[in-house]
Each structure stands twice: as structure tokens, then as C-alpha cells.
Amino acid sequence: MAFKLPPSSYLIPRTKSGYRKNSPDVNNKQNIIPSNKISMKEKNGKPLKKGSIIGTGLTTGKTKIMKPGKNYTFPGDNEVLETPTKK
């Protein structure tokens, strides 16, 4: 069975720039990335300044804690819900 988000999730912004420091979406509580490949790097290749982010595949529901500087793939998903961890 596919992972289902509550109806309120339709209000979560979809963004390709996610939590990169110059993204207009950097301060959102959550973002949806329209891809199953997630880079935790800034545009210049350095580790993401935002810190660790929880990624949840929107088809499978599989969750990973994603660390800055690494790349992640969510097989079987088309979109990933990102939620920053609390600092």
C-alpha cells in the first residue's frame, strides 16, 4: 500500500532548491522535492548549511535521516518530503 499524507500536505511547497542557503524555501517548515534523488550539498558543493534533514518518500513512506554533504536516493518514490531536524 502506498504511503498517504494527510490532506493538509497539499499546502506543503514543492521546490527543486529545497533547503539550500539561497533558496526562497530555506525557512519553510517542510518542503516536497519532486525527485527521488536528494543532494545534501549547497550549489558550490559544500555540505548543506541547514543541517540534517528527515526525508520521507511519498510513495513508499520510507524515512531516512539525511546528513549534509551526502547524496540520497529513495527507490520507488517520485517525491520526497523534507523536514529539518531540530537544532
PDB file of N, CA and C in Angstrom:
ATOM      1  N   MET A   1       0.844  -1.170   0.000  1.00  0.00           N
ATOM      2  CA  MET A   1       0.000   0.000   0.000  1.00  0.00           C
ATOM      3  C   MET A   1       0.894   1.239   0.000  1.00  0.00           C
ATOM      4  N   ALA A   2       0.512   2.241  -0.740  1.00  0.00           N
ATOM      5  CA  ALA A   2       1.281   3.482  -0.842  1.00  0.00           C
ATOM      6  C   ALA A   2       1.132   4.317   0.420  1.00  0.00           C
ATOM      7  N   PHE A   3       2.194   5.032   0.742  1.00  0.00           N
ATOM      8  CA  PHE A   3       2.200   5.973   1.868  1.00  0.00           C
ATOM      9  C   PHE A   3       1.261   7.128   1.538  1.00  0.00           C
ATOM     10  N   LYS A   4       0.419   7.527   2.477  1.00  0.00           N
ATOM     11  CA  LYS A   4      -0.532   8.619   2.248  1.00  0.00           C
ATOM     12  C   LYS A   4      -0.274   9.755   3.222  1.00  0.00           C
ATOM     13  N   LEU A   5      -0.142  10.951   2.688  1.00  0.00           N
ATOM     14  CA  LEU A   5      -0.037  12.140   3.519  1.00  0.00           C
ATOM     15  C   LEU A   5      -1.434  12.650   3.825  1.00  0.00           C
ATOM     16  N   PRO A   6      -1.605  13.345   4.940  1.00  0.00           N
ATOM     17  CA  PRO A   6      -2.917  13.930   5.232  1.00  0.00           C
ATOM     18  C   PRO A   6      -3.242  15.032   4.227  1.00  0.00           C
ATOM     19  N   PRO A   7      -4.537  15.371   4.064  1.00  0.00           N
ATOM     20  CA  PRO A   7      -4.919  16.415   3.099  1.00  0.00           C
ATOM     21  C   PRO A   7      -4.187  17.735   3.293  1.00  0.00           C
ATOM     22  N   SER A   8      -3.794  18.061   4.511  1.00  0.00           N
ATOM     23  CA  SER A   8      -3.077  19.325   4.741  1.00  0.00           C
ATOM     24  C   SER A   8      -1.730  19.360   4.031  1.00  0.00           C
ATOM     25  N   SER A   9      -1.218  18.201   3.634  1.00  0.00           N
ATOM     26  CA  SER A   9       0.087  18.151   2.963  1.00  0.00           C
ATOM     27  C   SER A   9       0.048  18.805   1.584  1.00  0.00           C
ATOM     28  N   TYR A  10      -1.142  18.997   1.043  1.00  0.00           N
ATOM     29  CA  TYR A  10      -1.235  19.653  -0.255  1.00  0.00           C
ATOM     30  C   TYR A  10      -0.786  21.114  -0.172  1.00  0.00           C
ATOM     31  N   LEU A  11      -0.656  21.632   1.029  1.00  0.00           N
ATOM     32  CA  LEU A  11      -0.210  23.005   1.231  1.00  0.00           C
ATOM     33  C   LEU A  11       1.311  23.113   1.365  1.00  0.00           C
ATOM     34  N   ILE A  12       2.012  21.987   1.416  1.00  0.00           N
ATOM     35  CA  ILE A  12       3.469  21.992   1.552  1.00  0.00           C
ATOM     36  C   ILE A  12       4.079  22.365   0.200  1.00  0.00           C
ATOM     37  N   PRO A  13       4.975  23.354   0.181  1.00  0.00           N
ATOM     38  CA  PRO A  13       5.563  23.794  -1.090  1.00  0.00           C
ATOM     39  C   PRO A  13       6.395  22.706  -1.769  1.00  0.00           C
ATOM     40  N   ARG A  14       6.286  22.640  -3.082  1.00  0.00           N
ATOM     41  CA  ARG A  14       7.156  21.789  -3.890  1.00  0.00           C
ATOM     42  C   ARG A  14       8.268  22.693  -4.426  1.00  0.00           C
ATOM     43  N   THR A  15       9.499  22.241  -4.267  1.00  0.00           N
ATOM     44  CA  THR A  15      10.646  23.063  -4.633  1.00  0.00           C
ATOM     45  C   THR A  15      11.794  22.186  -5.114  1.00  0.00           C
ATOM     46  N   LYS A  16      12.543  22.687  -6.068  1.00  0.00           N
ATOM     47  CA  LYS A  16      13.741  21.979  -6.536  1.00  0.00           C
ATOM     48  C   LYS A  16      14.983  22.446  -5.799  1.00  0.00           C
ATOM     49  N   SER A  17      14.907  23.620  -5.155  1.00  0.00           N
ATOM     50  CA  SER A  17      16.081  24.148  -4.452  1.00  0.00           C
ATOM     51  C   SER A  17      16.084  23.800  -2.967  1.00  0.00           C
ATOM     52  N   GLY A  18      14.972  23.306  -2.439  1.00  0.00           N
ATOM     53  CA  GLY A  18      14.905  22.805  -1.070  1.00  0.00           C
ATOM     54  C   GLY A  18      15.449  23.741  -0.017  1.00  0.00           C
ATOM     55  N   TYR A  19      16.355  23.223   0.814  1.00  0.00           N
ATOM     56  CA  TYR A  19      16.894  23.980   1.949  1.00  0.00           C
ATOM     57  C   TYR A  19      18.288  24.543   1.699  1.00  0.00           C
ATOM     58  N   ARG A  20      18.669  24.721   0.437  1.00  0.00           N
ATOM     59  CA  ARG A  20      19.947  25.379   0.157  1.00  0.00           C
ATOM     60  C   ARG A  20      19.887  26.819   0.656  1.00  0.00           C
ATOM     61  N   LYS A  21      21.031  27.369   1.043  1.00  0.00           N
ATOM     62  CA  LYS A  21      21.053  28.666   1.730  1.00  0.00           C
ATOM     63  C   LYS A  21      20.445  29.801   0.916  1.00  0.00           C
ATOM     64  N   ASN A  22      20.497  29.775  -0.408  1.00  0.00           N
ATOM     65  CA  ASN A  22      19.933  30.855  -1.219  1.00  0.00           C
ATOM     66  C   ASN A  22      18.555  30.526  -1.780  1.00  0.00           C
ATOM     67  N   SER A  23      17.955  29.428  -1.321  1.00  0.00           N
ATOM     68  CA  SER A  23      16.632  29.032  -1.797  1.00  0.00           C
ATOM     69  C   SER A  23      15.548  29.911  -1.170  1.00  0.00           C
ATOM     70  N   PRO A  24      14.520  30.267  -1.937  1.00  0.00           N
ATOM     71  CA  PRO A  24      13.410  31.009  -1.338  1.00  0.00           C
ATOM     72  C   PRO A  24      12.620  30.150  -0.346  1.00  0.00           C
ATOM     73  N   ASP A  25      12.872  28.847  -0.342  1.00  0.00           N
ATOM     74  CA  ASP A  25      12.149  27.911   0.522  1.00  0.00           C
ATOM     75  C   ASP A  25      12.954  27.452   1.735  1.00  0.00           C
ATOM     76  N   VAL A  26      14.110  28.075   1.984  1.00  0.00           N
ATOM     77  CA  VAL A  26      15.026  27.636   3.036  1.00  0.00           C
ATOM     78  C   VAL A  26      14.407  27.683   4.431  1.00  0.00           C
ATOM     79  N   ASN A  27      13.457  28.566   4.674  1.00  0.00           N
ATOM     80  CA  ASN A  27      12.870  28.694   6.012  1.00  0.00           C
ATOM     81  C   ASN A  27      11.521  28.001   6.175  1.00  0.00           C
ATOM     82  N   ASN A  28      11.084  27.248   5.162  1.00  0.00           N
ATOM     83  CA  ASN A  28       9.818  26.508   5.280  1.00  0.00           C
ATOM     84  C   ASN A  28       9.935  25.422   6.336  1.00  0.00           C
ATOM     85  N   LYS A  29       8.817  25.111   6.988  1.00  0.00           N
ATOM     86  CA  LYS A  29       8.809  24.023   7.975  1.00  0.00           C
ATOM     87  C   LYS A  29       9.021  22.678   7.292  1.00  0.00           C
ATOM     88  N   GLN A  30       8.509  22.545   6.073  1.00  0.00           N
ATOM     89  CA  GLN A  30       8.678  21.333   5.279  1.00  0.00           C
ATOM     90  C   GLN A  30       8.701  21.727   3.808  1.00  0.00           C
ATOM     91  N   ASN A  31       9.356  20.891   3.004  1.00  0.00           N
ATOM     92  CA  ASN A  31       9.366  21.046   1.552  1.00  0.00           C
ATOM     93  C   ASN A  31       9.159  19.683   0.919  1.00  0.00           C
ATOM     94  N   ILE A  32       8.554  19.670  -0.256  1.00  0.00           N
ATOM     95  CA  ILE A  32       8.475  18.453  -1.050  1.00  0.00           C
ATOM     96  C   ILE A  32       9.379  18.640  -2.254  1.00  0.00           C
ATOM     97  N   ILE A  33      10.291  17.693  -2.441  1.00  0.00           N
ATOM     98  CA  ILE A  33      11.220  17.718  -3.564  1.00  0.00           C
ATOM     99  C   ILE A  33      10.653  16.801  -4.648  1.00  0.00           C
ATOM    100  N   PRO A  34      10.419  17.311  -5.874  1.00  0.00           N
ATOM    101  CA  PRO A  34       9.826  16.495  -6.935  1.00  0.00           C
ATOM    102  C   PRO A  34      10.849  15.590  -7.625  1.00  0.00           C
ATOM    103  N   SER A  35      11.489  14.749  -6.830  1.00  0.00           N
ATOM    104  CA  SER A  35      12.508  13.818  -7.330  1.00  0.00           C
ATOM    105  C   SER A  35      12.749  12.761  -6.256  1.00  0.00           C
ATOM    106  N   ASN A  36      13.352  11.651  -6.634  1.00  0.00           N
ATOM    107  CA  ASN A  36      13.736  10.655  -5.632  1.00  0.00           C
ATOM    108  C   ASN A  36      15.240  10.705  -5.356  1.00  0.00           C
ATOM    109  N   LYS A  37      15.927  11.667  -5.968  1.00  0.00           N
ATOM    110  CA  LYS A  37      17.367  11.851  -5.744  1.00  0.00           C
ATOM    111  C   LYS A  37      17.570  13.165  -5.008  1.00  0.00           C
ATOM    112  N   ILE A  38      18.156  13.069  -3.823  1.00  0.00           N
ATOM    113  CA  ILE A  38      18.326  14.227  -2.952  1.00  0.00           C
ATOM    114  C   ILE A  38      19.813  14.481  -2.730  1.00  0.00           C
ATOM    115  N   SER A  39      20.239  15.718  -2.988  1.00  0.00           N
ATOM    116  CA  SER A  39      21.605  16.129  -2.705  1.00  0.00           C
ATOM    117  C   SER A  39      21.596  16.993  -1.448  1.00  0.00           C
ATOM    118  N   MET A  40      22.430  16.654  -0.519  1.00  0.00           N
ATOM    119  CA  MET A  40      22.558  17.425   0.716  1.00  0.00           C
ATOM    120  C   MET A  40      23.781  18.332   0.627  1.00  0.00           C
ATOM    121  N   LYS A  41      23.942  18.935  -0.556  1.00  0.00           N
ATOM    122  CA  LYS A  41      25.060  19.838  -0.806  1.00  0.00           C
ATOM    123  C   LYS A  41      24.528  21.181  -1.287  1.00  0.00           C
ATOM    124  N   GLU A  42      25.273  22.243  -0.945  1.00  0.00           N
ATOM    125  CA  GLU A  42      24.963  23.569  -1.460  1.00  0.00           C
ATOM    126  C   GLU A  42      25.319  23.592  -2.947  1.00  0.00           C
ATOM    127  N   LYS A  43      24.949  24.645  -3.655  1.00  0.00           N
ATOM    128  CA  LYS A  43      25.261  24.776  -5.090  1.00  0.00           C
ATOM    129  C   LYS A  43      26.764  24.692  -5.356  1.00  0.00           C
ATOM    130  N   ASN A  44      27.585  25.173  -4.399  1.00  0.00           N
ATOM    131  CA  ASN A  44      29.040  25.159  -4.579  1.00  0.00           C
ATOM    132  C   ASN A  44      29.676  23.817  -4.201  1.00  0.00           C
ATOM    133  N   GLY A  45      28.862  22.830  -3.827  1.00  0.00           N
ATOM    134  CA  GLY A  45      29.357  21.500  -3.500  1.00  0.00           C
ATOM    135  C   GLY A  45      29.663  21.279  -2.028  1.00  0.00           C
ATOM    136  N   LYS A  46      29.624  22.338  -1.224  1.00  0.00           N
ATOM    137  CA  LYS A  46      29.882  22.197   0.206  1.00  0.00           C
ATOM    138  C   LYS A  46      28.670  21.579   0.898  1.00  0.00           C
ATOM    139  N   PRO A  47      28.855  20.984   2.090  1.00  0.00           N
ATOM    140  CA  PRO A  47      27.728  20.393   2.819  1.00  0.00           C
ATOM    141  C   PRO A  47      26.623  21.420   3.095  1.00  0.00           C
ATOM    142  N   LEU A  48      25.392  20.964   3.030  1.00  0.00           N
ATOM    143  CA  LEU A  48      24.227  21.814   3.258  1.00  0.00           C
ATOM    144  C   LEU A  48      24.308  22.494   4.614  1.00  0.00           C
ATOM    145  N   LYS A  49      24.165  23.818   4.638  1.00  0.00           N
ATOM    146  CA  LYS A  49      24.280  24.585   5.885  1.00  0.00           C
ATOM    147  C   LYS A  49      23.097  24.365   6.820  1.00  0.00           C
ATOM    148  N   LYS A  50      21.949  23.971   6.286  1.00  0.00           N
ATOM    149  CA  LYS A  50      20.732  23.793   7.095  1.00  0.00           C
ATOM    150  C   LYS A  50      20.904  22.682   8.133  1.00  0.00           C
ATOM    151  N   GLY A  51      21.785  21.747   7.874  1.00  0.00           N
ATOM    152  CA  GLY A  51      21.984  20.628   8.801  1.00  0.00           C
ATOM    153  C   GLY A  51      21.249  19.392   8.342  1.00  0.00           C
ATOM    154  N   SER A  52      21.088  18.437   9.232  1.00  0.00           N
ATOM    155  CA  SER A  52      20.420  17.174   8.907  1.00  0.00           C
ATOM    156  C   SER A  52      18.939  17.411   8.624  1.00  0.00           C
ATOM    157  N   ILE A  53      18.415  16.595   7.711  1.00  0.00           N
ATOM    158  CA  ILE A  53      17.017  16.690   7.303  1.00  0.00           C
ATOM    159  C   ILE A  53      16.433  15.289   7.266  1.00  0.00           C
ATOM    160  N   ILE A  54      15.202  15.164   7.721  1.00  0.00           N
ATOM    161  CA  ILE A  54      14.491  13.890   7.637  1.00  0.00           C
ATOM    162  C   ILE A  54      13.799  13.841   6.281  1.00  0.00           C
ATOM    163  N   GLY A  55      14.078  12.811   5.503  1.00  0.00           N
ATOM    164  CA  GLY A  55      13.449  12.630   4.197  1.00  0.00           C
ATOM    165  C   GLY A  55      12.480  11.466   4.252  1.00  0.00           C
ATOM    166  N   THR A  56      11.277  11.655   3.710  1.00  0.00           N
ATOM    167  CA  THR A  56      10.262  10.606   3.664  1.00  0.00           C
ATOM    168  C   THR A  56       9.756  10.478   2.234  1.00  0.00           C
ATOM    169  N   GLY A  57       9.914   9.307   1.652  1.00  0.00           N
ATOM    170  CA  GLY A  57       9.403   9.061   0.306  1.00  0.00           C
ATOM    171  C   GLY A  57       7.885   9.084   0.314  1.00  0.00           C
ATOM    172  N   LEU A  58       7.276   9.799  -0.610  1.00  0.00           N
ATOM    173  CA  LEU A  58       5.827   9.962  -0.588  1.00  0.00           C
ATOM    174  C   LEU A  58       5.052   8.809  -1.199  1.00  0.00           C
ATOM    175  N   THR A  59       5.736   7.845  -1.806  1.00  0.00           N
ATOM    176  CA  THR A  59       5.061   6.647  -2.289  1.00  0.00           C
ATOM    177  C   THR A  59       5.257   5.497  -1.313  1.00  0.00           C
ATOM    178  N   THR A  60       6.502   5.294  -0.879  1.00  0.00           N
ATOM    179  CA  THR A  60       6.825   4.151  -0.025  1.00  0.00           C
ATOM    180  C   THR A  60       6.693   4.438   1.458  1.00  0.00           C
ATOM    181  N   GLY A  61       6.828   5.717   1.844  1.00  0.00           N
ATOM    182  CA  GLY A  61       6.796   6.065   3.264  1.00  0.00           C
ATOM    183  C   GLY A  61       8.111   5.804   3.977  1.00  0.00           C
ATOM    184  N   LYS A  62       9.124   5.343   3.240  1.00  0.00           N
ATOM    185  CA  LYS A  62      10.425   5.068   3.857  1.00  0.00           C
ATOM    186  C   LYS A  62      11.090   6.380   4.250  1.00  0.00           C
ATOM    187  N   THR A  63      11.667   6.379   5.456  1.00  0.00           N
ATOM    188  CA  THR A  63      12.266   7.582   6.021  1.00  0.00           C
ATOM    189  C   THR A  63      13.763   7.386   6.232  1.00  0.00           C
ATOM    190  N   LYS A  64      14.518   8.439   5.940  1.00  0.00           N
ATOM    191  CA  LYS A  64      15.970   8.447   6.165  1.00  0.00           C
ATOM    192  C   LYS A  64      16.346   9.769   6.817  1.00  0.00           C
ATOM    193  N   ILE A  65      17.310   9.721   7.724  1.00  0.00           N
ATOM    194  CA  ILE A  65      17.905  10.959   8.230  1.00  0.00           C
ATOM    195  C   ILE A  65      19.072  11.260   7.301  1.00  0.00           C
ATOM    196  N   MET A  66      18.960  12.382   6.605  1.00  0.00           N
ATOM    197  CA  MET A  66      19.948  12.743   5.591  1.00  0.00           C
ATOM    198  C   MET A  66      20.941  13.735   6.174  1.00  0.00           C
ATOM    199  N   LYS A  67      22.208  13.432   6.039  1.00  0.00           N
ATOM    200  CA  LYS A  67      23.294  14.239   6.590  1.00  0.00           C
ATOM    201  C   LYS A  67      23.889  15.163   5.529  1.00  0.00           C
ATOM    202  N   PRO A  68      24.305  16.375   5.927  1.00  0.00           N
ATOM    203  CA  PRO A  68      24.921  17.310   4.981  1.00  0.00           C
ATOM    204  C   PRO A  68      26.137  16.709   4.289  1.00  0.00           C
ATOM    205  N   GLY A  69      26.271  17.033   3.001  1.00  0.00           N
ATOM    206  CA  GLY A  69      27.423  16.590   2.229  1.00  0.00           C
ATOM    207  C   GLY A  69      27.222  15.274   1.492  1.00  0.00           C
ATOM    208  N   LYS A  70      26.121  14.593   1.732  1.00  0.00           N
ATOM    209  CA  LYS A  70      25.880  13.283   1.115  1.00  0.00           C
ATOM    210  C   LYS A  70      24.744  13.374   0.100  1.00  0.00           C
ATOM    211  N   ASN A  71      24.618  12.327  -0.720  1.00  0.00           N
ATOM    212  CA  ASN A  71      23.524  12.205  -1.685  1.00  0.00           C
ATOM    213  C   ASN A  71      22.680  10.996  -1.305  1.00  0.00           C
ATOM    214  N   TYR A  72      21.382  11.079  -1.551  1.00  0.00           N
ATOM    215  CA  TYR A  72      20.459  10.021  -1.176  1.00  0.00           C
ATOM    216  C   TYR A  72      19.513   9.713  -2.328  1.00  0.00           C
ATOM    217  N   THR A  73      19.098   8.447  -2.416  1.00  0.00           N
ATOM    218  CA  THR A  73      18.107   8.013  -3.388  1.00  0.00           C
ATOM    219  C   THR A  73      16.984   7.313  -2.639  1.00  0.00           C
ATOM    220  N   PHE A  74      15.761   7.573  -3.068  1.00  0.00           N
ATOM    221  CA  PHE A  74      14.573   6.948  -2.493  1.00  0.00           C
ATOM    222  C   PHE A  74      13.925   6.082  -3.578  1.00  0.00           C
ATOM    223  N   PRO A  75      14.394   4.812  -3.720  1.00  0.00           N
ATOM    224  CA  PRO A  75      13.853   3.937  -4.760  1.00  0.00           C
ATOM    225  C   PRO A  75      12.339   3.749  -4.585  1.00  0.00           C
ATOM    226  N   GLY A  76      11.624   3.805  -5.704  1.00  0.00           N
ATOM    227  CA  GLY A  76      10.178   3.605  -5.678  1.00  0.00           C
ATOM    228  C   GLY A  76       9.375   4.864  -5.392  1.00  0.00           C
ATOM    229  N   ASP A  77      10.047   5.981  -5.176  1.00  0.00           N
ATOM    230  CA  ASP A  77       9.364   7.242  -4.895  1.00  0.00           C
ATOM    231  C   ASP A  77       9.591   8.227  -6.034  1.00  0.00           C
ATOM    232  N   ASN A  78       8.641   9.148  -6.214  1.00  0.00           N
ATOM    233  CA  ASN A  78       8.780  10.225  -7.188  1.00  0.00           C
ATOM    234  C   ASN A  78       9.002  11.563  -6.508  1.00  0.00           C
ATOM    235  N   GLU A  79       8.627  11.648  -5.225  1.00  0.00           N
ATOM    236  CA  GLU A  79       8.761  12.881  -4.455  1.00  0.00           C
ATOM    237  C   GLU A  79       9.212  12.524  -3.042  1.00  0.00           C
ATOM    238  N   VAL A  80       9.910  13.479  -2.410  1.00  0.00           N
ATOM    239  CA  VAL A  80      10.404  13.267  -1.051  1.00  0.00           C
ATOM    240  C   VAL A  80       9.999  14.463  -0.192  1.00  0.00           C
ATOM    241  N   LEU A  81       9.382  14.177   0.947  1.00  0.00           N
ATOM    242  CA  LEU A  81       9.045  15.194   1.932  1.00  0.00           C
ATOM    243  C   LEU A  81      10.273  15.429   2.801  1.00  0.00           C
ATOM    244  N   GLU A  82      10.713  16.672   2.881  1.00  0.00           N
ATOM    245  CA  GLU A  82      11.874  17.025   3.707  1.00  0.00           C
ATOM    246  C   GLU A  82      11.413  17.818   4.923  1.00  0.00           C
ATOM    247  N   THR A  83      11.928  17.419   6.084  1.00  0.00           N
ATOM    248  CA  THR A  83      11.647  18.112   7.344  1.00  0.00           C
ATOM    249  C   THR A  83      12.966  18.298   8.079  1.00  0.00           C
ATOM    250  N   PRO A  84      13.397  19.551   8.313  1.00  0.00           N
ATOM    251  CA  PRO A  84      14.653  19.761   9.040  1.00  0.00           C
ATOM    252  C   PRO A  84      14.561  19.191  10.458  1.00  0.00           C
ATOM    253  N   THR A  85      15.691  18.651  10.920  1.00  0.00           N
ATOM    254  CA  THR A  85      15.734  18.197  12.313  1.00  0.00           C
ATOM    255  C   THR A  85      15.888  19.418  13.202  1.00  0.00           C
ATOM    256  N   LYS A  86      15.481  19.297  14.414  1.00  0.00           N
ATOM    257  CA  LYS A  86      15.605  20.436  15.347  1.00  0.00           C
ATOM    258  C   LYS A  86      17.052  20.559  15.756  1.00  0.00           C
ATOM    259  N   LYS A  87      17.525  21.801  15.874  1.00  0.00           N
ATOM    260  CA  LYS A  87      18.917  22.036  16.274  1.00  0.00           C
ATOM    261  C   LYS A  87      18.994  22.257  17.761  1.00  0.00           C
TER     262      LYS A  87
END
